[in-house]
Amino acid sequence: MENEFLGVKGIARVCMALVPIMAVLYVGGCIYILFVNHNYVLPALQLILESAFTPQAAGGGFAGTTVMMAARYGIARGLFSNESGLGSAPIVAAAAQTRNSVRQALVSSTGTFWDTVVICALTGIVLVSSILAYPDIDHTSDAALTKMAFAKIPYVGTPILSFGIVTFAFSTILGWTYYSEKAVEYLGGRKIMLGYRIIWIVMIYIGSVVNLSLVWNFADIVNALMAVPNLISLLLLSGVLVKETRAYLWSGHMDEYDDEMIR
């Protein structure tokens, strides 16, 4: 029997303790900034919409390599936001105690909404409204822009953001440790796990000290190596997906148990 403080149960306990605190502090900080910048919220939304849907934006989007670069970075950063299509989140979802696979799939799908639609949209409005309110921060780099925006919160702004970054990084490392170990165990068994864990720790250190652009490029490449085979598999398994959805969701049997899912 798995120790409740080790393995996936231990990871779940740590994340359940840290992530809600991180989310509440970050969202609270964003709401405070929007409250302070309330005169600039509507102009920020107007600027975002105009920049996205004006004829000039459409023309620029289809000119030269602009559309390719927009797709390249948009898809890459979207994958970092919600992991949609990577096939990583289902690894931990498969370990959940649930009545049937479709029920768990619906629960997992909400993560994309909260992460991308809510948190990322909130962050975008905070950044644009802060730039309009404080034009002096517009020249900062992407990484520093959020820090400058949160620094406008007296005394606690920077600590809140720092805590959120550290908590996010730590919980992400824990989660991906579980993902990767399950994949390595499937490919080579438990006998190679020690060697893999040593390599994993070394790579975490290297990733934290090398040039940031190199880290982004490497991460984009390996994400693509995960996404491509996973998306092909999803297409090949689409018939199974439709069959399961029809059996549980469309037929109104969401509360029924699938014996194969019970461990």
C-alpha atoms as a PDB file:
ATOM      1  CA  MET A   1       0.000   0.000   0.000  1.00  0.00           C
ATOM      2  CA  GLU A   2       1.413   3.421  -1.007  1.00  0.00           C
ATOM      3  CA  ASN A   3       2.449   5.652   1.859  1.00  0.00           C
ATOM      4  CA  GLU A   4       0.136   8.656   2.057  1.00  0.00           C
ATOM      5  CA  PHE A   5       3.161  10.982   2.293  1.00  0.00           C
ATOM      6  CA  LEU A   6       4.998   9.452  -0.694  1.00  0.00           C
ATOM      7  CA  GLY A   7       4.277   9.012  -4.397  1.00  0.00           C
ATOM      8  CA  VAL A   8       1.271  10.539  -6.057  1.00  0.00           C
ATOM      9  CA  LYS A   9      -0.613  10.834  -2.747  1.00  0.00           C
ATOM     10  CA  GLY A  10       2.213  12.863  -1.226  1.00  0.00           C
ATOM     11  CA  ILE A  11       2.411  15.093  -4.308  1.00  0.00           C
ATOM     12  CA  ALA A  12      -1.356  15.617  -4.177  1.00  0.00           C
ATOM     13  CA  ARG A  13      -1.222  16.568  -0.496  1.00  0.00           C
ATOM     14  CA  VAL A  14       1.547  19.114  -1.049  1.00  0.00           C
ATOM     15  CA  CYS A  15      -0.145  20.638  -4.092  1.00  0.00           C
ATOM     16  CA  MET A  16      -3.524  20.766  -2.346  1.00  0.00           C
ATOM     17  CA  ALA A  17      -1.886  22.762   0.444  1.00  0.00           C
ATOM     18  CA  LEU A  18       0.170  25.134  -1.722  1.00  0.00           C
ATOM     19  CA  VAL A  19      -1.840  25.741  -4.895  1.00  0.00           C
ATOM     20  CA  PRO A  20      -4.998  27.220  -3.274  1.00  0.00           C
ATOM     21  CA  ILE A  21      -2.878  29.691  -1.286  1.00  0.00           C
ATOM     22  CA  MET A  22      -0.937  30.616  -4.408  1.00  0.00           C
ATOM     23  CA  ALA A  23      -4.117  31.062  -6.440  1.00  0.00           C
ATOM     24  CA  VAL A  24      -5.918  33.167  -3.816  1.00  0.00           C
ATOM     25  CA  LEU A  25      -2.928  35.480  -3.313  1.00  0.00           C
ATOM     26  CA  TYR A  26      -2.287  35.891  -7.035  1.00  0.00           C
ATOM     27  CA  VAL A  27      -5.922  36.475  -7.984  1.00  0.00           C
ATOM     28  CA  GLY A  28      -6.322  38.805  -5.004  1.00  0.00           C
ATOM     29  CA  GLY A  29      -3.284  40.773  -6.141  1.00  0.00           C
ATOM     30  CA  CYS A  30      -4.659  41.024  -9.685  1.00  0.00           C
ATOM     31  CA  ILE A  31      -8.039  42.215  -8.428  1.00  0.00           C
ATOM     32  CA  TYR A  32      -6.348  44.848  -6.259  1.00  0.00           C
ATOM     33  CA  ILE A  33      -4.317  46.129  -9.223  1.00  0.00           C
ATOM     34  CA  LEU A  34      -7.447  46.283 -11.381  1.00  0.00           C
ATOM     35  CA  PHE A  35      -9.223  48.174  -8.604  1.00  0.00           C
ATOM     36  CA  VAL A  36      -6.382  50.698  -8.410  1.00  0.00           C
ATOM     37  CA  ASN A  37      -6.272  50.921 -12.220  1.00  0.00           C
ATOM     38  CA  HIS A  38     -10.061  50.992 -12.584  1.00  0.00           C
ATOM     39  CA  ASN A  39      -9.929  54.059 -14.830  1.00  0.00           C
ATOM     40  CA  TYR A  40      -7.759  52.124 -17.287  1.00  0.00           C
ATOM     41  CA  VAL A  41      -9.547  48.740 -17.335  1.00  0.00           C
ATOM     42  CA  LEU A  42     -12.020  49.620 -20.097  1.00  0.00           C
ATOM     43  CA  PRO A  43      -9.325  51.349 -22.196  1.00  0.00           C
ATOM     44  CA  ALA A  44      -7.184  48.246 -21.736  1.00  0.00           C
ATOM     45  CA  LEU A  45      -9.963  45.977 -22.995  1.00  0.00           C
ATOM     46  CA  GLN A  46     -10.574  48.347 -25.899  1.00  0.00           C
ATOM     47  CA  LEU A  47      -6.883  48.341 -26.788  1.00  0.00           C
ATOM     48  CA  ILE A  48      -6.720  44.534 -26.676  1.00  0.00           C
ATOM     49  CA  LEU A  49      -9.745  44.149 -28.941  1.00  0.00           C
ATOM     50  CA  GLU A  50      -8.611  46.842 -31.348  1.00  0.00           C
ATOM     51  CA  SER A  51      -5.155  45.347 -31.571  1.00  0.00           C
ATOM     52  CA  ALA A  52      -6.613  41.932 -32.333  1.00  0.00           C
ATOM     53  CA  PHE A  53      -9.425  42.753 -34.753  1.00  0.00           C
ATOM     54  CA  THR A  54      -8.530  45.922 -36.632  1.00  0.00           C
ATOM     55  CA  PRO A  55      -7.860  45.650 -40.402  1.00  0.00           C
ATOM     56  CA  GLN A  56      -4.237  46.619 -39.728  1.00  0.00           C
ATOM     57  CA  ALA A  57      -3.850  43.704 -37.313  1.00  0.00           C
ATOM     58  CA  ALA A  58      -5.406  41.280 -39.796  1.00  0.00           C
ATOM     59  CA  GLY A  59      -3.204  42.549 -42.598  1.00  0.00           C
ATOM     60  CA  GLY A  60      -0.099  42.292 -40.478  1.00  0.00           C
ATOM     61  CA  GLY A  61      -1.067  38.812 -39.356  1.00  0.00           C
ATOM     62  CA  PHE A  62      -1.044  37.468 -42.889  1.00  0.00           C
ATOM     63  CA  ALA A  63       2.057  39.344 -44.031  1.00  0.00           C
ATOM     64  CA  GLY A  64       5.264  37.401 -44.513  1.00  0.00           C
ATOM     65  CA  THR A  65       6.255  35.149 -41.645  1.00  0.00           C
ATOM     66  CA  THR A  66       4.167  37.011 -39.043  1.00  0.00           C
ATOM     67  CA  VAL A  67       1.395  34.423 -38.965  1.00  0.00           C
ATOM     68  CA  MET A  68       3.935  31.606 -38.637  1.00  0.00           C
ATOM     69  CA  MET A  69       5.676  33.322 -35.711  1.00  0.00           C
ATOM     70  CA  ALA A  70       2.354  34.138 -34.046  1.00  0.00           C
ATOM     71  CA  ALA A  71       1.267  30.506 -34.333  1.00  0.00           C
ATOM     72  CA  ARG A  72       4.656  29.236 -33.175  1.00  0.00           C
ATOM     73  CA  TYR A  73       4.780  31.316 -29.985  1.00  0.00           C
ATOM     74  CA  GLY A  74       1.036  31.269 -29.382  1.00  0.00           C
ATOM     75  CA  ILE A  75       0.862  27.473 -29.464  1.00  0.00           C
ATOM     76  CA  ALA A  76       4.085  27.050 -27.506  1.00  0.00           C
ATOM     77  CA  ARG A  77       3.048  29.393 -24.693  1.00  0.00           C
ATOM     78  CA  GLY A  78      -0.464  27.987 -24.703  1.00  0.00           C
ATOM     79  CA  LEU A  79       0.982  24.546 -24.033  1.00  0.00           C
ATOM     80  CA  PHE A  80       2.841  25.923 -21.020  1.00  0.00           C
ATOM     81  CA  SER A  81      -0.390  27.464 -19.796  1.00  0.00           C
ATOM     82  CA  ASN A  82      -2.687  24.451 -19.828  1.00  0.00           C
ATOM     83  CA  GLU A  83      -0.804  21.420 -21.256  1.00  0.00           C
ATOM     84  CA  SER A  84      -3.679  20.777 -23.685  1.00  0.00           C
ATOM     85  CA  GLY A  85      -2.641  18.110 -26.169  1.00  0.00           C
ATOM     86  CA  LEU A  86       0.592  17.128 -24.421  1.00  0.00           C
ATOM     87  CA  GLY A  87      -0.835  14.001 -22.817  1.00  0.00           C
ATOM     88  CA  SER A  88       0.795  14.785 -19.472  1.00  0.00           C
ATOM     89  CA  ALA A  89      -2.187  15.733 -17.310  1.00  0.00           C
ATOM     90  CA  PRO A  90      -4.022  12.436 -18.071  1.00  0.00           C
ATOM     91  CA  ILE A  91      -1.193  10.600 -16.289  1.00  0.00           C
ATOM     92  CA  VAL A  92      -2.214  12.025 -12.930  1.00  0.00           C
ATOM     93  CA  ALA A  93      -5.917  12.037 -13.883  1.00  0.00           C
ATOM     94  CA  ALA A  94      -5.653   8.285 -14.456  1.00  0.00           C
ATOM     95  CA  ALA A  95      -4.592   7.868 -10.834  1.00  0.00           C
ATOM     96  CA  ALA A  96      -7.779   9.517  -9.522  1.00  0.00           C
ATOM     97  CA  GLN A  97     -10.523   7.526  -7.844  1.00  0.00           C
ATOM     98  CA  THR A  98     -13.542   8.103 -10.055  1.00  0.00           C
ATOM     99  CA  ARG A  99     -16.768   6.423 -11.148  1.00  0.00           C
ATOM    100  CA  ASN A 100     -15.926   6.367 -14.844  1.00  0.00           C
ATOM    101  CA  SER A 101     -13.455   7.805 -17.340  1.00  0.00           C
ATOM    102  CA  VAL A 102     -15.811  10.408 -18.820  1.00  0.00           C
ATOM    103  CA  ARG A 103     -16.562  11.877 -15.390  1.00  0.00           C
ATOM    104  CA  GLN A 104     -12.863  12.358 -14.727  1.00  0.00           C
ATOM    105  CA  ALA A 105     -12.332  13.792 -18.219  1.00  0.00           C
ATOM    106  CA  LEU A 106     -14.941  16.481 -17.586  1.00  0.00           C
ATOM    107  CA  VAL A 107     -13.295  17.379 -14.277  1.00  0.00           C
ATOM    108  CA  SER A 108      -9.862  17.575 -15.926  1.00  0.00           C
ATOM    109  CA  SER A 109     -11.166  19.755 -18.754  1.00  0.00           C
ATOM    110  CA  THR A 110     -12.095  22.524 -16.309  1.00  0.00           C
ATOM    111  CA  GLY A 111      -8.396  23.096 -15.670  1.00  0.00           C
ATOM    112  CA  THR A 112      -7.969  24.564 -19.142  1.00  0.00           C
ATOM    113  CA  PHE A 113     -10.799  27.029 -18.553  1.00  0.00           C
ATOM    114  CA  TRP A 114      -9.569  28.284 -15.179  1.00  0.00           C
ATOM    115  CA  ASP A 115      -5.945  28.396 -16.194  1.00  0.00           C
ATOM    116  CA  THR A 116      -6.202  29.995 -19.634  1.00  0.00           C
ATOM    117  CA  VAL A 117      -9.554  31.760 -19.821  1.00  0.00           C
ATOM    118  CA  VAL A 118      -9.598  33.124 -16.263  1.00  0.00           C
ATOM    119  CA  ILE A 119      -6.022  33.446 -14.954  1.00  0.00           C
ATOM    120  CA  CYS A 120      -4.310  34.351 -18.239  1.00  0.00           C
ATOM    121  CA  ALA A 121      -7.043  36.807 -19.240  1.00  0.00           C
ATOM    122  CA  LEU A 122      -6.879  38.401 -15.792  1.00  0.00           C
ATOM    123  CA  THR A 123      -3.109  38.693 -16.081  1.00  0.00           C
ATOM    124  CA  GLY A 124      -3.349  40.232 -19.544  1.00  0.00           C
ATOM    125  CA  ILE A 125      -5.784  42.918 -18.418  1.00  0.00           C
ATOM    126  CA  VAL A 126      -3.608  43.656 -15.373  1.00  0.00           C
ATOM    127  CA  LEU A 127      -0.519  44.130 -17.560  1.00  0.00           C
ATOM    128  CA  VAL A 128      -2.181  46.277 -20.219  1.00  0.00           C
ATOM    129  CA  SER A 129      -3.996  48.470 -17.691  1.00  0.00           C
ATOM    130  CA  SER A 130      -0.757  48.866 -15.723  1.00  0.00           C
ATOM    131  CA  ILE A 131       1.114  49.960 -18.851  1.00  0.00           C
ATOM    132  CA  LEU A 132      -1.593  52.535 -19.566  1.00  0.00           C
ATOM    133  CA  ALA A 133      -1.548  53.734 -15.968  1.00  0.00           C
ATOM    134  CA  TYR A 134       2.251  53.712 -15.635  1.00  0.00           C
ATOM    135  CA  PRO A 135       3.850  54.219 -19.087  1.00  0.00           C
ATOM    136  CA  ASP A 136       7.315  54.025 -17.545  1.00  0.00           C
ATOM    137  CA  ILE A 137       7.056  50.226 -17.128  1.00  0.00           C
ATOM    138  CA  ASP A 138       6.329  49.619 -20.834  1.00  0.00           C
ATOM    139  CA  HIS A 139      10.010  49.291 -21.681  1.00  0.00           C
ATOM    140  CA  THR A 140      10.629  46.390 -19.332  1.00  0.00           C
ATOM    141  CA  SER A 141      11.152  42.824 -20.501  1.00  0.00           C
ATOM    142  CA  ASP A 142       8.339  40.274 -20.535  1.00  0.00           C
ATOM    143  CA  ALA A 143       9.551  38.656 -17.323  1.00  0.00           C
ATOM    144  CA  ALA A 144       9.934  41.970 -15.505  1.00  0.00           C
ATOM    145  CA  LEU A 145       6.592  43.415 -16.632  1.00  0.00           C
ATOM    146  CA  THR A 146       4.481  41.376 -14.200  1.00  0.00           C
ATOM    147  CA  LYS A 147       6.939  42.154 -11.410  1.00  0.00           C
ATOM    148  CA  MET A 148       6.678  45.883 -12.113  1.00  0.00           C
ATOM    149  CA  ALA A 149       2.878  45.691 -12.167  1.00  0.00           C
ATOM    150  CA  PHE A 150       2.729  43.868  -8.804  1.00  0.00           C
ATOM    151  CA  ALA A 151       5.310  46.246  -7.351  1.00  0.00           C
ATOM    152  CA  LYS A 152       2.599  48.917  -7.499  1.00  0.00           C
ATOM    153  CA  ILE A 153       0.874  47.089  -4.619  1.00  0.00           C
ATOM    154  CA  PRO A 154       2.312  48.737  -1.494  1.00  0.00           C
ATOM    155  CA  TYR A 155       4.636  46.578   0.643  1.00  0.00           C
ATOM    156  CA  VAL A 156       3.206  43.142  -0.232  1.00  0.00           C
ATOM    157  CA  GLY A 157       3.035  43.210  -4.036  1.00  0.00           C
ATOM    158  CA  THR A 158       6.499  41.839  -4.806  1.00  0.00           C
ATOM    159  CA  PRO A 159       6.407  39.202  -2.009  1.00  0.00           C
ATOM    160  CA  ILE A 160       3.016  37.943  -3.261  1.00  0.00           C
ATOM    161  CA  LEU A 161       4.345  37.528  -6.791  1.00  0.00           C
ATOM    162  CA  SER A 162       7.576  35.932  -5.558  1.00  0.00           C
ATOM    163  CA  PHE A 163       5.649  33.478  -3.399  1.00  0.00           C
ATOM    164  CA  GLY A 164       3.413  32.629  -6.345  1.00  0.00           C
ATOM    165  CA  ILE A 165       6.366  31.998  -8.655  1.00  0.00           C
ATOM    166  CA  VAL A 166       8.199  29.820  -6.125  1.00  0.00           C
ATOM    167  CA  THR A 167       5.044  27.862  -5.280  1.00  0.00           C
ATOM    168  CA  PHE A 168       4.162  27.395  -8.935  1.00  0.00           C
ATOM    169  CA  ALA A 169       7.689  26.241  -9.790  1.00  0.00           C
ATOM    170  CA  PHE A 170       7.849  23.820  -6.847  1.00  0.00           C
ATOM    171  CA  SER A 171       4.433  22.273  -7.506  1.00  0.00           C
ATOM    172  CA  THR A 172       5.235  22.020 -11.221  1.00  0.00           C
ATOM    173  CA  ILE A 173       8.490  20.188 -10.511  1.00  0.00           C
ATOM    174  CA  LEU A 174       6.638  17.775  -8.221  1.00  0.00           C
ATOM    175  CA  GLY A 175       3.950  17.103 -10.806  1.00  0.00           C
ATOM    176  CA  TRP A 176       6.337  16.571 -13.695  1.00  0.00           C
ATOM    177  CA  THR A 177       8.479  14.320 -11.503  1.00  0.00           C
ATOM    178  CA  TYR A 178       5.501  11.990 -11.227  1.00  0.00           C
ATOM    179  CA  TYR A 179       4.689  12.248 -14.941  1.00  0.00           C
ATOM    180  CA  SER A 180       8.230  11.484 -16.041  1.00  0.00           C
ATOM    181  CA  GLU A 181       8.815   8.677 -13.551  1.00  0.00           C
ATOM    182  CA  LYS A 182       5.690   6.877 -14.714  1.00  0.00           C
ATOM    183  CA  ALA A 183       6.870   7.156 -18.327  1.00  0.00           C
ATOM    184  CA  VAL A 184      10.377   5.927 -17.464  1.00  0.00           C
ATOM    185  CA  GLU A 185       8.953   3.073 -15.386  1.00  0.00           C
ATOM    186  CA  TYR A 186       6.788   2.013 -18.322  1.00  0.00           C
ATOM    187  CA  LEU A 187       9.726   2.076 -20.744  1.00  0.00           C
ATOM    188  CA  GLY A 188      12.472   0.566 -18.607  1.00  0.00           C
ATOM    189  CA  GLY A 189      11.049  -0.651 -15.319  1.00  0.00           C
ATOM    190  CA  ARG A 190      12.006   0.255 -11.753  1.00  0.00           C
ATOM    191  CA  LYS A 191      15.630  -0.818 -12.242  1.00  0.00           C
ATOM    192  CA  ILE A 192      16.577   2.382 -14.095  1.00  0.00           C
ATOM    193  CA  MET A 193      14.678   4.733 -11.805  1.00  0.00           C
ATOM    194  CA  LEU A 194      17.650   5.709  -9.607  1.00  0.00           C
ATOM    195  CA  GLY A 195      19.734   6.739 -12.593  1.00  0.00           C
ATOM    196  CA  TYR A 196      16.837   8.692 -14.016  1.00  0.00           C
ATOM    197  CA  ARG A 197      16.250  10.542 -10.743  1.00  0.00           C
ATOM    198  CA  ILE A 198      19.897  11.626 -10.663  1.00  0.00           C
ATOM    199  CA  ILE A 199      19.628  12.925 -14.237  1.00  0.00           C
ATOM    200  CA  TRP A 200      16.357  14.681 -13.347  1.00  0.00           C
ATOM    201  CA  ILE A 201      17.933  16.535 -10.403  1.00  0.00           C
ATOM    202  CA  VAL A 202      20.940  17.552 -12.515  1.00  0.00           C
ATOM    203  CA  MET A 203      18.665  18.856 -15.290  1.00  0.00           C
ATOM    204  CA  ILE A 204      16.636  20.918 -12.787  1.00  0.00           C
ATOM    205  CA  TYR A 205      19.860  22.612 -11.683  1.00  0.00           C
ATOM    206  CA  ILE A 206      21.065  23.189 -15.250  1.00  0.00           C
ATOM    207  CA  GLY A 207      17.694  24.630 -16.258  1.00  0.00           C
ATOM    208  CA  SER A 208      17.835  27.137 -13.410  1.00  0.00           C
ATOM    209  CA  VAL A 209      21.269  28.566 -14.293  1.00  0.00           C
ATOM    210  CA  VAL A 210      21.619  28.517 -18.103  1.00  0.00           C
ATOM    211  CA  ASN A 211      20.453  31.230 -20.494  1.00  0.00           C
ATOM    212  CA  LEU A 212      16.659  31.677 -20.364  1.00  0.00           C
ATOM    213  CA  SER A 213      16.195  31.704 -24.148  1.00  0.00           C
ATOM    214  CA  LEU A 214      17.972  28.342 -24.359  1.00  0.00           C
ATOM    215  CA  VAL A 215      15.609  26.921 -21.725  1.00  0.00           C
ATOM    216  CA  TRP A 216      12.543  28.193 -23.625  1.00  0.00           C
ATOM    217  CA  ASN A 217      13.771  26.770 -26.939  1.00  0.00           C
ATOM    218  CA  PHE A 218      14.615  23.401 -25.399  1.00  0.00           C
ATOM    219  CA  ALA A 219      11.259  23.253 -23.622  1.00  0.00           C
ATOM    220  CA  ASP A 220       9.410  24.120 -26.842  1.00  0.00           C
ATOM    221  CA  ILE A 221      11.203  21.307 -28.683  1.00  0.00           C
ATOM    222  CA  VAL A 222      10.486  18.626 -26.093  1.00  0.00           C
ATOM    223  CA  ASN A 223       6.889  19.809 -25.753  1.00  0.00           C
ATOM    224  CA  ALA A 224       6.481  19.311 -29.504  1.00  0.00           C
ATOM    225  CA  LEU A 225       7.992  15.830 -29.189  1.00  0.00           C
ATOM    226  CA  MET A 226       5.274  15.047 -26.642  1.00  0.00           C
ATOM    227  CA  ALA A 227       2.396  16.758 -28.409  1.00  0.00           C
ATOM    228  CA  VAL A 228       2.836  15.301 -31.900  1.00  0.00           C
ATOM    229  CA  PRO A 229       2.588  11.582 -30.987  1.00  0.00           C
ATOM    230  CA  ASN A 230      -0.126  12.325 -28.427  1.00  0.00           C
ATOM    231  CA  LEU A 231      -2.278  14.192 -30.958  1.00  0.00           C
ATOM    232  CA  ILE A 232      -1.850  11.361 -33.454  1.00  0.00           C
ATOM    233  CA  SER A 233      -2.926   8.909 -30.760  1.00  0.00           C
ATOM    234  CA  LEU A 234      -5.961  11.053 -29.953  1.00  0.00           C
ATOM    235  CA  LEU A 235      -7.032  10.943 -33.596  1.00  0.00           C
ATOM    236  CA  LEU A 236      -6.608   7.171 -33.703  1.00  0.00           C
ATOM    237  CA  LEU A 237      -8.555   6.778 -30.440  1.00  0.00           C
ATOM    238  CA  SER A 238     -11.322   9.220 -31.361  1.00  0.00           C
ATOM    239  CA  GLY A 239     -13.706   6.307 -31.881  1.00  0.00           C
ATOM    240  CA  VAL A 240     -13.154   5.151 -28.307  1.00  0.00           C
ATOM    241  CA  LEU A 241     -13.693   8.702 -27.064  1.00  0.00           C
ATOM    242  CA  VAL A 242     -17.019   8.991 -28.886  1.00  0.00           C
ATOM    243  CA  LYS A 243     -18.100   5.563 -27.635  1.00  0.00           C
ATOM    244  CA  GLU A 244     -17.287   6.379 -23.993  1.00  0.00           C
ATOM    245  CA  THR A 245     -18.911   9.822 -24.220  1.00  0.00           C
ATOM    246  CA  ARG A 246     -22.059   8.368 -25.749  1.00  0.00           C
ATOM    247  CA  ALA A 247     -22.224   5.627 -23.110  1.00  0.00           C
ATOM    248  CA  TYR A 248     -21.866   7.900 -20.081  1.00  0.00           C
ATOM    249  CA  LEU A 249     -22.525  11.550 -20.932  1.00  0.00           C
ATOM    250  CA  TRP A 250     -25.007  11.523 -23.795  1.00  0.00           C
ATOM    251  CA  SER A 251     -26.998   8.646 -22.289  1.00  0.00           C
ATOM    252  CA  GLY A 252     -27.210  10.273 -18.870  1.00  0.00           C
ATOM    253  CA  HIS A 253     -25.192   7.590 -17.045  1.00  0.00           C
ATOM    254  CA  MET A 254     -22.540   9.826 -15.482  1.00  0.00           C
ATOM    255  CA  ASP A 255     -23.106   8.383 -11.999  1.00  0.00           C
ATOM    256  CA  GLU A 256     -22.586   4.781 -13.065  1.00  0.00           C
ATOM    257  CA  TYR A 257     -19.416   2.954 -12.122  1.00  0.00           C
ATOM    258  CA  ASP A 258     -16.951   1.524 -14.586  1.00  0.00           C
ATOM    259  CA  ASP A 259     -15.454  -1.496 -12.841  1.00  0.00           C
ATOM    260  CA  GLU A 260     -12.274  -1.202 -14.894  1.00  0.00           C
ATOM    261  CA  MET A 261     -11.621   2.268 -13.446  1.00  0.00           C
ATOM    262  CA  ILE A 262     -11.840   1.184  -9.806  1.00  0.00           C
ATOM    263  CA  ARG A 263      -8.522   0.338  -8.160  1.00  0.00           C
END
